[in-house]
């Protein structure tokens, strides 16, 4: 094989900033890092051993005891899995990702070029919504999500973009105390990058290299049973939703006559379109059912249970994916259900993403950080919001903890004059009498001596 040199100063072939010494010390590392192009060799048969994912896929062990292979593609064919992945990915994608600067006793939301990458377009072929959704799906099905950090040049920390990667195309290994990531792009080329240039969003069971793969763990039997039930249900209705039967006669039939009776029965009663045909038996014939009906076999109950089982695997309340047979224990209101979903399910995804981004984009920085804004998912109805903001703004006998312009910003409204002061307890101005204009503030008063209460009763 003839090595083909690749220009490291342009295009997507930029090497990592910190791999120079490591590449020089590792045999073949230049090929793996993308410094030279190489043909992608197939996985040797000797490496397909018991316990590997490829072995489980080839032997059907990915489906547990059902023998039905459970892969990313087949799992997404299950409506409950599809709904859970779509719900989680859509919820994360809907959250804005804000960048903040720490102040002495507060924080300030800042305008940064990275905002565009996190909220609009992280990579030229990806929207931010699709990238966040893909990362969430990767964690939910494969255990880990990956975004490669592309720097403007190999010698600067400035970020050009984030490229989402398929978790199945990424291999992680430990080299000299650091994680090194080798991945294959869609054109079959291999690249290796240092951990500083890879956003690795871990899931449950992370051991420092990879997390537990839900497809091989929690979904192994649950999804396998669901797939087997789907196949059985399809075959059941394909055959006219009829149980297997035996035709009984006292006459002696040779092989040819028995085959003719069998074919005649199948032609008239097999298939959904023939399911309502009336069977007419004469000449001493009788019919006997050999298998249980769909109700006796609890086919419907099995399929319903698998919906709840798969929803439990993803930590999603079953009612949020259309399974409303049982009520939720998180409360009856939409607000309580939303709070429970964010707190107990979504937060584990958001924490993994937030911490990884902050430590890689702003390493060891105590000044800058970013996080998802979950306020939109936690809001109640209009009445509940009005009561909450009314208390937050403060007033007579109540200490406010929010400013008017802060509330207006949450509702995407412009700031107003005098809306940046906090209302202290007991500082509200007396209400004006009917048909009487409010008293003017005496001239010469120091506004700093008495907190401004103007606008305290204004709607945000």
Protein backbone atom coordinates (compact mmCIF):
# COMPACT_ATOMS: atom_id res chain seq x y z
CA UNK A 1 0.00 0.00 0.00
CA UNK A 2 1.34 3.41 -0.96
CA UNK A 3 0.90 6.14 1.64
CA UNK A 4 -0.73 9.34 0.44
CA UNK A 5 0.23 12.49 2.31
CA UNK A 6 -2.61 14.71 3.43
CA UNK A 7 -2.38 18.47 3.84
CA UNK A 8 -2.73 19.22 7.56
CA UNK A 9 -3.32 22.94 7.12
CA UNK A 10 -6.69 22.78 5.38
CA UNK A 11 -9.86 20.76 5.25
CA UNK A 12 -11.13 18.27 7.83
CA UNK A 13 -7.76 16.49 8.14
CA UNK A 14 -6.28 18.73 10.83
CA UNK A 15 -4.45 16.69 13.44
CA UNK A 16 -4.85 17.16 17.17
CA UNK A 17 -2.82 19.86 18.86
CA UNK A 18 -1.33 17.56 21.49
CA UNK A 19 -0.53 14.39 19.56
CA UNK A 20 2.84 15.31 18.07
CA UNK A 21 5.06 13.50 20.54
CA UNK A 22 2.66 10.61 20.92
CA UNK A 23 2.41 10.05 17.16
CA UNK A 24 6.19 9.96 16.86
CA UNK A 25 6.43 7.24 19.50
CA UNK A 26 3.62 4.96 18.31
CA UNK A 27 4.08 2.58 15.34
CA UNK A 28 1.42 3.23 12.73
CA UNK A 29 -0.07 6.09 14.71
CA UNK A 30 0.39 8.49 11.79
CA UNK A 31 -1.99 6.40 9.73
CA UNK A 32 -4.53 6.24 12.54
CA UNK A 33 -4.27 9.98 13.15
CA UNK A 34 -5.08 10.82 9.54
CA UNK A 35 -1.59 12.07 8.66
CA UNK A 36 -1.51 9.42 5.94
CA UNK A 37 -4.45 7.79 4.28
CA UNK A 38 -5.03 4.09 4.76
CA UNK A 39 -7.46 1.44 3.59
CA UNK A 40 -9.91 0.36 6.26
CA UNK A 41 -9.29 -3.29 7.02
CA UNK A 42 -12.28 -5.48 7.93
CA UNK A 43 -12.58 -6.85 11.45
CA UNK A 44 -10.53 -10.08 11.63
CA UNK A 45 -12.60 -13.18 12.37
CA UNK A 46 -10.24 -13.98 15.23
CA UNK A 47 -11.40 -10.85 17.06
CA UNK A 48 -15.09 -11.83 16.90
CA UNK A 49 -15.05 -13.67 20.22
CA UNK A 50 -17.68 -14.38 22.83
CA UNK A 51 -18.61 -11.20 24.68
CA UNK A 52 -17.95 -8.83 21.80
CA UNK A 53 -20.80 -6.90 20.21
CA UNK A 54 -20.11 -8.42 16.79
CA UNK A 55 -20.32 -11.93 18.26
CA UNK A 56 -23.66 -11.14 19.89
CA UNK A 57 -25.02 -9.69 16.64
CA UNK A 58 -23.97 -12.71 14.57
CA UNK A 59 -25.24 -15.30 17.06
CA UNK A 60 -28.49 -13.54 17.95
CA UNK A 61 -27.40 -13.04 21.56
CA UNK A 62 -28.21 -9.30 21.28
CA UNK A 63 -31.83 -10.36 21.69
CA UNK A 64 -31.23 -12.31 24.89
CA UNK A 65 -33.32 -15.44 25.22
CA UNK A 66 -35.59 -14.53 22.31
CA UNK A 67 -32.88 -15.10 19.69
CA UNK A 68 -34.06 -11.97 17.85
CA UNK A 69 -31.02 -9.72 17.14
CA UNK A 70 -31.36 -6.30 18.78
CA UNK A 71 -29.38 -3.64 16.96
CA UNK A 72 -29.72 0.11 16.74
CA UNK A 73 -31.79 -0.24 13.57
CA UNK A 74 -34.09 -2.99 14.84
CA UNK A 75 -34.54 -1.30 18.22
CA UNK A 76 -35.70 1.91 16.53
CA UNK A 77 -38.32 -0.17 14.70
CA UNK A 78 -40.05 -0.66 18.06
CA UNK A 79 -42.54 2.16 18.55
CA UNK A 80 -41.82 2.49 22.30
CA UNK A 81 -38.05 2.82 21.71
CA UNK A 82 -38.62 5.25 18.86
CA UNK A 83 -40.94 7.35 21.04
CA UNK A 84 -38.56 7.40 24.03
CA UNK A 85 -35.53 8.34 21.93
CA UNK A 86 -37.53 10.98 20.09
CA UNK A 87 -38.91 12.45 23.32
CA UNK A 88 -35.51 12.67 25.03
CA UNK A 89 -33.71 13.98 21.96
CA UNK A 90 -36.42 16.50 21.19
CA UNK A 91 -36.49 17.78 24.79
CA UNK A 92 -32.72 18.34 24.87
CA UNK A 93 -32.74 19.92 21.41
CA UNK A 94 -35.47 22.36 22.45
CA UNK A 95 -33.41 23.80 25.32
CA UNK A 96 -31.29 26.88 24.64
CA UNK A 97 -27.64 26.57 25.64
CA UNK A 98 -26.50 29.83 27.20
CA UNK A 99 -22.94 31.01 27.90
CA UNK A 100 -22.26 32.87 31.14
CA UNK A 101 -19.49 34.88 32.76
CA UNK A 102 -19.13 34.71 36.52
CA UNK A 103 -19.25 38.01 38.35
CA UNK A 104 -18.41 38.62 41.99
CA UNK A 105 -21.82 37.76 43.39
CA UNK A 106 -23.78 36.93 40.24
CA UNK A 107 -23.42 35.89 36.63
CA UNK A 108 -23.86 37.59 33.28
CA UNK A 109 -25.06 36.03 30.06
CA UNK A 110 -22.56 36.93 27.38
CA UNK A 111 -22.57 37.09 23.60
CA UNK A 112 -19.99 34.67 22.17
CA UNK A 113 -19.22 33.22 18.77
CA UNK A 114 -19.68 29.79 20.36
CA UNK A 115 -23.36 30.58 20.89
CA UNK A 116 -23.95 30.03 17.18
CA UNK A 117 -22.27 26.63 17.29
CA UNK A 118 -24.27 25.44 20.28
CA UNK A 119 -27.65 26.87 19.28
CA UNK A 120 -27.74 27.04 15.47
CA UNK A 121 -25.03 25.18 13.51
CA UNK A 122 -22.25 23.19 15.20
CA UNK A 123 -21.02 21.76 11.88
CA UNK A 124 -21.85 22.68 8.26
CA UNK A 125 -23.93 19.53 7.72
CA UNK A 126 -25.69 19.64 11.11
CA UNK A 127 -28.19 21.91 12.77
CA UNK A 128 -27.87 22.38 16.51
CA UNK A 129 -31.20 20.62 17.11
CA UNK A 130 -30.16 17.54 15.15
CA UNK A 131 -26.74 17.44 16.85
CA UNK A 132 -28.19 17.61 20.37
CA UNK A 133 -30.81 15.02 19.46
CA UNK A 134 -28.14 12.73 17.97
CA UNK A 135 -25.97 13.00 21.09
CA UNK A 136 -28.95 12.09 23.27
CA UNK A 137 -29.86 9.15 21.04
CA UNK A 138 -26.26 7.94 21.09
CA UNK A 139 -26.25 7.93 24.89
CA UNK A 140 -29.65 6.25 25.08
CA UNK A 141 -28.85 3.42 22.66
CA UNK A 142 -25.05 3.08 22.59
CA UNK A 143 -24.11 4.46 26.01
CA UNK A 144 -21.88 7.32 24.79
CA UNK A 145 -22.16 10.37 22.55
CA UNK A 146 -19.23 11.94 20.69
CA UNK A 147 -18.57 15.36 19.13
CA UNK A 148 -15.15 16.06 17.70
CA UNK A 149 -13.81 19.54 18.41
CA UNK A 150 -12.36 21.13 15.28
CA UNK A 151 -9.90 23.92 16.05
CA UNK A 152 -9.31 26.87 13.75
CA UNK A 153 -5.65 25.80 13.54
CA UNK A 154 -3.71 23.00 15.26
CA UNK A 155 -1.92 25.65 17.34
CA UNK A 156 -4.82 27.54 18.90
CA UNK A 157 -7.68 26.89 21.29
CA UNK A 158 -10.13 28.75 19.01
CA UNK A 159 -12.94 26.40 17.95
CA UNK A 160 -14.18 26.15 14.39
CA UNK A 161 -17.00 23.68 15.01
CA UNK A 162 -18.23 20.46 16.61
CA UNK A 163 -18.66 17.40 14.41
CA UNK A 164 -21.08 14.75 15.75
CA UNK A 165 -19.78 11.18 15.32
CA UNK A 166 -21.47 7.80 15.31
CA UNK A 167 -20.58 6.03 18.58
CA UNK A 168 -20.12 2.75 16.75
CA UNK A 169 -17.32 4.28 14.66
CA UNK A 170 -15.32 5.50 17.69
CA UNK A 171 -12.71 3.42 19.53
CA UNK A 172 -11.26 4.68 22.83
CA UNK A 173 -7.96 3.59 24.37
CA UNK A 174 -5.72 4.82 27.20
CA UNK A 175 -2.26 6.08 26.20
CA UNK A 176 0.11 7.51 28.81
CA UNK A 177 -2.74 8.40 31.12
CA UNK A 178 -4.84 10.15 28.45
CA UNK A 179 -7.76 8.93 26.37
CA UNK A 180 -7.08 8.69 22.64
CA UNK A 181 -10.00 8.42 20.23
CA UNK A 182 -9.75 6.67 16.86
CA UNK A 183 -12.75 7.00 14.58
CA UNK A 184 -13.73 6.23 11.00
CA UNK A 185 -15.46 8.92 8.97
CA UNK A 186 -18.18 8.32 6.39
CA UNK A 187 -15.56 7.94 3.64
CA UNK A 188 -13.78 5.14 5.52
CA UNK A 189 -10.76 7.19 6.60
CA UNK A 190 -9.27 6.76 10.07
CA UNK A 191 -8.46 9.67 12.38
CA UNK A 192 -7.06 9.77 15.88
CA UNK A 193 -7.48 12.71 18.26
CA UNK A 194 -6.52 13.39 21.84
CA UNK A 195 -9.14 13.73 24.57
CA UNK A 196 -8.72 17.53 24.50
CA UNK A 197 -10.25 17.54 21.01
CA UNK A 198 -13.17 15.19 21.65
CA UNK A 199 -16.40 15.86 23.54
CA UNK A 200 -17.30 12.52 25.11
CA UNK A 201 -20.78 12.47 26.67
CA UNK A 202 -20.92 9.39 28.93
CA UNK A 203 -23.95 7.45 30.07
CA UNK A 204 -24.58 4.91 32.82
CA UNK A 205 -21.67 2.73 33.92
CA UNK A 206 -18.87 4.89 32.51
CA UNK A 207 -15.50 3.28 33.38
CA UNK A 208 -13.23 6.02 32.09
CA UNK A 209 -13.29 4.69 28.53
CA UNK A 210 -16.83 3.66 27.59
CA UNK A 211 -20.25 3.38 29.20
CA UNK A 212 -22.57 0.40 29.34
CA UNK A 213 -24.34 -0.14 26.03
CA UNK A 214 -28.11 -0.19 26.70
CA UNK A 215 -28.62 -2.35 23.59
CA UNK A 216 -26.56 -5.08 25.22
CA UNK A 217 -27.80 -4.47 28.77
CA UNK A 218 -31.26 -3.20 29.66
CA UNK A 219 -32.71 -3.39 26.14
CA UNK A 220 -31.28 -6.82 25.38
CA UNK A 221 -34.30 -8.81 26.57
CA UNK A 222 -36.92 -6.05 26.66
CA UNK A 223 -36.44 -5.01 23.05
CA UNK A 224 -35.92 -8.62 21.98
CA UNK A 225 -39.27 -9.64 23.45
CA UNK A 226 -40.94 -6.62 21.84
CA UNK A 227 -39.49 -7.55 18.43
CA UNK A 228 -40.53 -11.17 18.85
CA UNK A 229 -44.04 -10.07 19.87
CA UNK A 230 -44.22 -7.80 16.82
CA UNK A 231 -43.21 -10.64 14.52
CA UNK A 232 -45.70 -12.99 16.14
CA UNK A 233 -48.49 -10.43 15.91
CA UNK A 234 -47.67 -9.82 12.25
CA UNK A 235 -47.78 -13.51 11.47
CA UNK A 236 -50.97 -13.89 13.50
CA UNK A 237 -52.85 -11.26 11.52
CA UNK A 238 -51.17 -12.24 8.27
CA UNK A 239 -52.82 -15.63 8.64
CA UNK A 240 -56.21 -14.10 9.25
CA UNK A 241 -55.91 -13.81 13.05
CA UNK A 242 -57.02 -17.44 13.28
CA UNK A 243 -55.62 -20.11 15.58
CA UNK A 244 -54.23 -23.31 14.17
CA UNK A 245 -56.95 -25.92 13.66
CA UNK A 246 -57.25 -29.58 12.78
CA UNK A 247 -59.92 -30.99 10.48
CA UNK A 248 -61.20 -34.35 11.71
CA UNK A 249 -62.98 -36.99 9.65
CA UNK A 250 -63.79 -40.68 10.08
CA UNK A 251 -62.93 -41.35 6.46
CA UNK A 252 -59.55 -42.65 5.36
CA UNK A 253 -57.68 -40.20 3.10
CA UNK A 254 -54.59 -40.86 1.09
CA UNK A 255 -51.78 -38.30 0.87
CA UNK A 256 -53.18 -36.65 -2.26
CA UNK A 257 -56.66 -36.21 -0.80
CA UNK A 258 -55.26 -34.83 2.49
CA UNK A 259 -53.17 -32.29 0.59
CA UNK A 260 -56.18 -31.19 -1.45
CA UNK A 261 -58.26 -30.63 1.71
CA UNK A 262 -55.41 -28.69 3.31
CA UNK A 263 -54.94 -26.42 0.28
CA UNK A 264 -58.66 -25.86 -0.11
CA UNK A 265 -58.98 -24.77 3.53
CA UNK A 266 -55.97 -22.45 3.27
CA UNK A 267 -57.24 -20.81 0.09
CA UNK A 268 -60.59 -19.98 1.63
CA UNK A 269 -59.63 -18.98 5.16
CA UNK A 270 -56.01 -17.73 5.22
CA UNK A 271 -55.22 -14.02 5.14
CA UNK A 272 -56.88 -10.92 6.50
CA UNK A 273 -59.27 -10.57 3.55
CA UNK A 274 -60.59 -14.12 4.10
CA UNK A 275 -60.79 -13.86 7.88
CA UNK A 276 -64.60 -13.45 7.85
CA UNK A 277 -65.34 -16.34 5.48
CA UNK A 278 -67.76 -18.84 6.98
CA UNK A 279 -66.49 -22.41 7.19
CA UNK A 280 -68.95 -25.03 5.90
CA UNK A 281 -68.22 -28.64 6.89
CA UNK A 282 -70.20 -31.59 5.62
CA UNK A 283 -69.71 -35.30 5.15
CA UNK A 284 -68.83 -36.07 8.76
CA UNK A 285 -66.07 -33.46 9.14
CA UNK A 286 -65.31 -31.78 12.46
CA UNK A 287 -62.91 -29.00 13.49
CA UNK A 288 -60.67 -28.76 16.57
CA UNK A 289 -58.67 -25.81 17.81
CA UNK A 290 -55.04 -26.70 18.52
CA UNK A 291 -53.63 -23.44 19.91
CA UNK A 292 -54.81 -20.72 22.26
CA UNK A 293 -56.50 -17.60 20.98
CA UNK A 294 -54.76 -14.23 21.00
CA UNK A 295 -56.51 -13.30 24.24
CA UNK A 296 -55.60 -16.59 25.92
CA UNK A 297 -51.98 -16.20 24.85
CA UNK A 298 -52.05 -12.65 26.29
CA UNK A 299 -50.46 -11.24 23.16
CA UNK A 300 -51.96 -7.83 23.74
CA UNK A 301 -50.94 -7.83 27.40
CA UNK A 302 -47.39 -8.78 26.47
CA UNK A 303 -47.11 -5.94 24.01
CA UNK A 304 -48.49 -3.46 26.55
CA UNK A 305 -46.08 -4.63 29.23
CA UNK A 306 -43.13 -4.21 26.89
CA UNK A 307 -44.09 -0.57 26.33
CA UNK A 308 -43.90 0.07 30.07
CA UNK A 309 -40.70 -1.98 30.36
CA UNK A 310 -38.93 -0.06 27.60
CA UNK A 311 -40.13 3.28 28.98
CA UNK A 312 -38.71 2.28 32.37
CA UNK A 313 -35.36 1.48 30.75
CA UNK A 314 -35.11 5.01 29.35
CA UNK A 315 -36.46 6.58 32.54
CA UNK A 316 -39.42 8.00 30.63
CA UNK A 317 -42.92 7.97 32.18
CA UNK A 318 -44.99 5.67 29.98
CA UNK A 319 -47.81 8.22 29.75
CA UNK A 320 -45.40 10.59 27.94
CA UNK A 321 -45.11 8.14 25.03
CA UNK A 322 -48.83 7.48 24.75
CA UNK A 323 -49.20 4.58 27.21
CA UNK A 324 -51.91 5.93 29.53
CA UNK A 325 -53.17 2.73 31.07
CA UNK A 326 -51.68 3.60 34.46
CA UNK A 327 -51.28 6.96 36.12
CA UNK A 328 -47.98 8.53 37.06
CA UNK A 329 -46.66 8.84 40.61
CA UNK A 330 -45.09 12.23 39.84
CA UNK A 331 -48.31 14.19 40.34
CA UNK A 332 -51.41 14.85 38.32
CA UNK A 333 -50.64 18.29 36.91
CA UNK A 334 -48.67 19.02 33.78
CA UNK A 335 -46.29 21.17 35.80
CA UNK A 336 -45.47 18.38 38.27
CA UNK A 337 -44.98 15.84 35.49
CA UNK A 338 -42.66 18.21 33.64
CA UNK A 339 -40.63 18.88 36.78
CA UNK A 340 -40.29 15.15 37.43
CA UNK A 341 -39.24 14.45 33.84
CA UNK A 342 -36.57 17.16 33.90
CA UNK A 343 -35.31 16.35 37.39
CA UNK A 344 -35.19 12.56 37.26
CA UNK A 345 -34.70 11.76 33.58
CA UNK A 346 -33.44 14.67 31.49
CA UNK A 347 -31.02 16.05 34.04
CA UNK A 348 -28.62 13.11 33.77
CA UNK A 349 -28.18 13.81 30.06
CA UNK A 350 -27.83 17.55 30.60
CA UNK A 351 -25.27 17.15 33.39
CA UNK A 352 -23.08 14.85 31.27
CA UNK A 353 -23.15 17.30 28.36
CA UNK A 354 -22.66 20.45 30.46
CA UNK A 355 -19.70 19.16 32.43
CA UNK A 356 -17.92 17.75 29.39
CA UNK A 357 -18.38 20.93 27.37
CA UNK A 358 -17.24 23.22 30.17
CA UNK A 359 -14.07 21.25 30.92
CA UNK A 360 -13.06 20.94 27.27
CA UNK A 361 -14.13 24.31 25.83
CA UNK A 362 -13.04 26.41 28.84
CA UNK A 363 -10.47 24.14 30.57
CA UNK A 364 -10.01 25.00 34.25
CA UNK A 365 -11.79 28.32 33.78
CA UNK A 366 -13.55 29.80 36.79
CA UNK A 367 -14.90 32.68 34.75
CA UNK A 368 -16.77 31.19 31.77
CA UNK A 369 -19.21 28.32 31.62
CA UNK A 370 -22.37 27.27 29.80
CA UNK A 371 -25.50 25.29 30.59
CA UNK A 372 -28.93 24.41 29.21
CA UNK A 373 -31.86 26.60 30.21
CA UNK A 374 -34.63 24.32 31.49
CA UNK A 375 -37.06 27.10 32.40
CA UNK A 376 -39.19 26.48 29.32
CA UNK A 377 -39.85 22.87 30.37
CA UNK A 378 -40.55 23.78 34.00
CA UNK A 379 -43.12 26.50 33.37
CA UNK A 380 -46.66 25.85 34.51
CA UNK A 381 -49.89 27.24 33.09
CA UNK A 382 -50.54 30.98 32.72
CA UNK A 383 -52.12 31.30 36.16
CA UNK A 384 -49.28 29.45 37.90
CA UNK A 385 -46.70 31.59 36.08
CA UNK A 386 -48.47 34.80 37.08
CA UNK A 387 -48.53 33.77 40.74
CA UNK A 388 -44.87 32.72 40.67
CA UNK A 389 -43.62 35.91 39.02
CA UNK A 390 -45.79 38.04 41.30
CA UNK A 391 -44.07 36.55 44.35
CA UNK A 392 -40.65 36.69 42.67
CA UNK A 393 -40.99 40.43 42.04
CA UNK A 394 -41.84 41.12 45.67
CA UNK A 395 -44.05 43.80 47.17
CA UNK A 396 -45.63 44.82 50.45
CA UNK A 397 -44.42 42.43 53.13
CA UNK A 398 -42.62 40.17 50.63
CA UNK A 399 -38.98 40.11 49.63
CA UNK A 400 -38.46 39.97 45.87
CA UNK A 401 -35.72 37.82 44.38
CA UNK A 402 -36.14 38.78 40.72
CA UNK A 403 -36.08 42.08 38.87
CA UNK A 404 -38.72 43.17 36.38
CA UNK A 405 -36.31 43.09 33.46
CA UNK A 406 -35.18 39.58 34.42
CA UNK A 407 -38.77 38.38 34.19
CA UNK A 408 -39.30 40.26 30.93
CA UNK A 409 -36.17 38.64 29.48
CA UNK A 410 -37.60 35.19 30.30
CA UNK A 411 -40.71 36.13 28.33
CA UNK A 412 -38.65 37.51 25.42
CA UNK A 413 -39.75 41.08 26.13
CA UNK A 414 -37.50 44.17 25.96
CA UNK A 415 -36.30 45.83 29.20
CA UNK A 416 -38.06 48.85 30.64
CA UNK A 417 -36.72 51.86 32.48
CA UNK A 418 -36.44 51.29 36.21
CA UNK A 419 -36.78 47.54 35.84
CA UNK A 420 -33.32 46.63 37.10
CA UNK A 421 -33.88 47.29 40.79
CA UNK A 422 -34.87 44.70 43.34
CA UNK A 423 -37.99 45.35 45.40
CA UNK A 424 -37.28 44.99 49.10
CA UNK A 425 -39.82 43.83 51.67
CA UNK A 426 -42.17 46.58 52.83
CA UNK A 427 -40.88 49.15 50.35
CA UNK A 428 -43.88 49.37 48.04
CA UNK A 429 -45.35 52.83 47.52
CA UNK A 430 -48.87 53.39 48.86
CA UNK A 431 -51.62 52.81 46.35
CA UNK A 432 -53.15 55.90 44.73
CA UNK A 433 -56.71 56.85 45.70
CA UNK A 434 -59.44 56.63 43.08
CA UNK A 435 -59.55 59.59 40.71
CA UNK A 436 -56.43 60.99 42.34
CA UNK A 437 -53.05 61.04 40.62
CA UNK A 438 -50.20 59.45 42.58
CA UNK A 439 -48.06 61.76 44.64
CA UNK A 440 -44.85 62.89 43.04
CA UNK A 441 -41.62 61.85 44.62
CA UNK A 442 -40.05 64.76 46.60
CA UNK A 443 -37.19 66.43 44.89
CA UNK A 444 -33.69 65.92 46.20
CA UNK A 445 -34.22 62.39 47.48
CA UNK A 446 -31.26 60.12 47.02
CA UNK A 447 -32.43 57.12 44.91
CA UNK A 448 -29.70 54.96 46.43
CA UNK A 449 -30.97 55.59 49.95
CA UNK A 450 -34.42 54.18 49.25
CA UNK A 451 -34.75 51.24 46.86
CA UNK A 452 -36.78 52.08 43.78
CA UNK A 453 -40.18 50.46 43.85
CA UNK A 454 -41.46 51.96 40.64
CA UNK A 455 -42.71 49.27 38.37
CA UNK A 456 -42.92 46.68 41.15
CA UNK A 457 -46.53 46.04 40.27
CA UNK A 458 -45.98 46.22 36.51
CA UNK A 459 -46.66 43.09 34.53
CA UNK A 460 -43.45 41.50 33.16
